[in-house]
């Protein structure tokens, strides 16, 4: 599992894009300090100007 980015939407939703062995990927949402499966369609949000990639310092403050 490789996390390729952690993002925050304009509304404050924090999510990450995870690449799995074999080339598949999934989206995980941070909900109540727990990473839960999210809709794969969110992967396209990483290209939106309304969605920001978090800095390394901000990512370190999140739960693993």
C-alpha atoms as a PDB file:
ATOM      1  CA  UNK A   1       0.000   0.000   0.000  1.00  0.00           C
ATOM      2  CA  UNK A   2       1.334   3.408  -1.012  1.00  0.00           C
ATOM      3  CA  UNK A   3      -0.396   6.673  -0.135  1.00  0.00           C
ATOM      4  CA  UNK A   4       0.032   8.994  -3.087  1.00  0.00           C
ATOM      5  CA  UNK A   5      -1.592  12.074  -1.593  1.00  0.00           C
ATOM      6  CA  UNK A   6      -3.746  13.431   1.209  1.00  0.00           C
ATOM      7  CA  UNK A   7      -6.238  16.151   0.352  1.00  0.00           C
ATOM      8  CA  UNK A   8      -8.819  18.493   1.909  1.00  0.00           C
ATOM      9  CA  UNK A   9     -11.934  19.562   0.035  1.00  0.00           C
ATOM     10  CA  UNK A  10     -13.320  23.071   0.210  1.00  0.00           C
ATOM     11  CA  UNK A  11     -15.911  21.784   2.702  1.00  0.00           C
ATOM     12  CA  UNK A  12     -13.228  20.287   4.963  1.00  0.00           C
ATOM     13  CA  UNK A  13     -13.423  16.599   4.066  1.00  0.00           C
ATOM     14  CA  UNK A  14      -9.996  14.976   4.390  1.00  0.00           C
ATOM     15  CA  UNK A  15      -9.261  12.041   2.123  1.00  0.00           C
ATOM     16  CA  UNK A  16      -6.335  10.112   0.731  1.00  0.00           C
ATOM     17  CA  UNK A  17      -5.581   8.207  -2.445  1.00  0.00           C
ATOM     18  CA  UNK A  18      -4.068   4.774  -1.842  1.00  0.00           C
ATOM     19  CA  UNK A  19      -2.330   2.694  -4.519  1.00  0.00           C
ATOM     20  CA  UNK A  20      -2.408  -1.052  -3.957  1.00  0.00           C
ATOM     21  CA  UNK A  21      -0.218  -3.846  -5.299  1.00  0.00           C
ATOM     22  CA  UNK A  22      -1.357  -4.908  -8.729  1.00  0.00           C
ATOM     23  CA  UNK A  23      -2.120  -1.357  -9.862  1.00  0.00           C
ATOM     24  CA  UNK A  24      -5.529  -0.815  -8.263  1.00  0.00           C
ATOM     25  CA  UNK A  25      -6.343   2.163  -6.073  1.00  0.00           C
ATOM     26  CA  UNK A  26      -8.852   3.221  -3.464  1.00  0.00           C
ATOM     27  CA  UNK A  27      -9.993   6.352  -1.684  1.00  0.00           C
ATOM     28  CA  UNK A  28     -10.163   6.588   2.099  1.00  0.00           C
ATOM     29  CA  UNK A  29     -11.993   9.307   4.048  1.00  0.00           C
ATOM     30  CA  UNK A  30     -10.986  10.488   7.512  1.00  0.00           C
ATOM     31  CA  UNK A  31     -14.098  10.082   9.653  1.00  0.00           C
ATOM     32  CA  UNK A  32     -13.983  10.404  13.448  1.00  0.00           C
ATOM     33  CA  UNK A  33     -10.177   9.962  13.389  1.00  0.00           C
ATOM     34  CA  UNK A  34     -10.486   6.689  11.432  1.00  0.00           C
ATOM     35  CA  UNK A  35      -9.747   6.083   7.749  1.00  0.00           C
ATOM     36  CA  UNK A  36     -12.805   4.492   6.106  1.00  0.00           C
ATOM     37  CA  UNK A  37     -13.462   3.487   2.472  1.00  0.00           C
ATOM     38  CA  UNK A  38     -14.693   6.327   0.277  1.00  0.00           C
ATOM     39  CA  UNK A  39     -16.077   6.645  -3.232  1.00  0.00           C
ATOM     40  CA  UNK A  40     -13.409   6.118  -5.900  1.00  0.00           C
ATOM     41  CA  UNK A  41     -14.931   9.024  -7.849  1.00  0.00           C
ATOM     42  CA  UNK A  42     -13.254  11.347  -5.330  1.00  0.00           C
ATOM     43  CA  UNK A  43      -9.905  10.545  -6.953  1.00  0.00           C
ATOM     44  CA  UNK A  44     -10.731  13.097  -9.639  1.00  0.00           C
ATOM     45  CA  UNK A  45     -11.079  15.838  -7.011  1.00  0.00           C
ATOM     46  CA  UNK A  46      -7.302  15.981  -6.588  1.00  0.00           C
ATOM     47  CA  UNK A  47      -7.219  17.986  -9.833  1.00  0.00           C
ATOM     48  CA  UNK A  48      -9.814  20.533  -8.668  1.00  0.00           C
ATOM     49  CA  UNK A  49      -8.769  24.035  -7.613  1.00  0.00           C
ATOM     50  CA  UNK A  50     -11.254  23.659  -4.726  1.00  0.00           C
ATOM     51  CA  UNK A  51      -9.279  20.734  -3.287  1.00  0.00           C
ATOM     52  CA  UNK A  52      -5.863  21.224  -1.698  1.00  0.00           C
ATOM     53  CA  UNK A  53      -3.111  18.677  -1.158  1.00  0.00           C
ATOM     54  CA  UNK A  54      -1.968  18.710   2.462  1.00  0.00           C
ATOM     55  CA  UNK A  55       1.626  19.464   3.378  1.00  0.00           C
ATOM     56  CA  UNK A  56       3.861  16.863   5.005  1.00  0.00           C
ATOM     57  CA  UNK A  57       3.563  18.715   8.332  1.00  0.00           C
ATOM     58  CA  UNK A  58      -0.250  18.642   8.161  1.00  0.00           C
ATOM     59  CA  UNK A  59      -0.247  14.946   7.229  1.00  0.00           C
ATOM     60  CA  UNK A  60       1.911  14.066  10.254  1.00  0.00           C
ATOM     61  CA  UNK A  61      -0.815  15.487  12.527  1.00  0.00           C
ATOM     62  CA  UNK A  62      -3.421  13.055  11.144  1.00  0.00           C
ATOM     63  CA  UNK A  63      -4.074   9.548  12.477  1.00  0.00           C
ATOM     64  CA  UNK A  64      -2.099   6.779  10.722  1.00  0.00           C
END
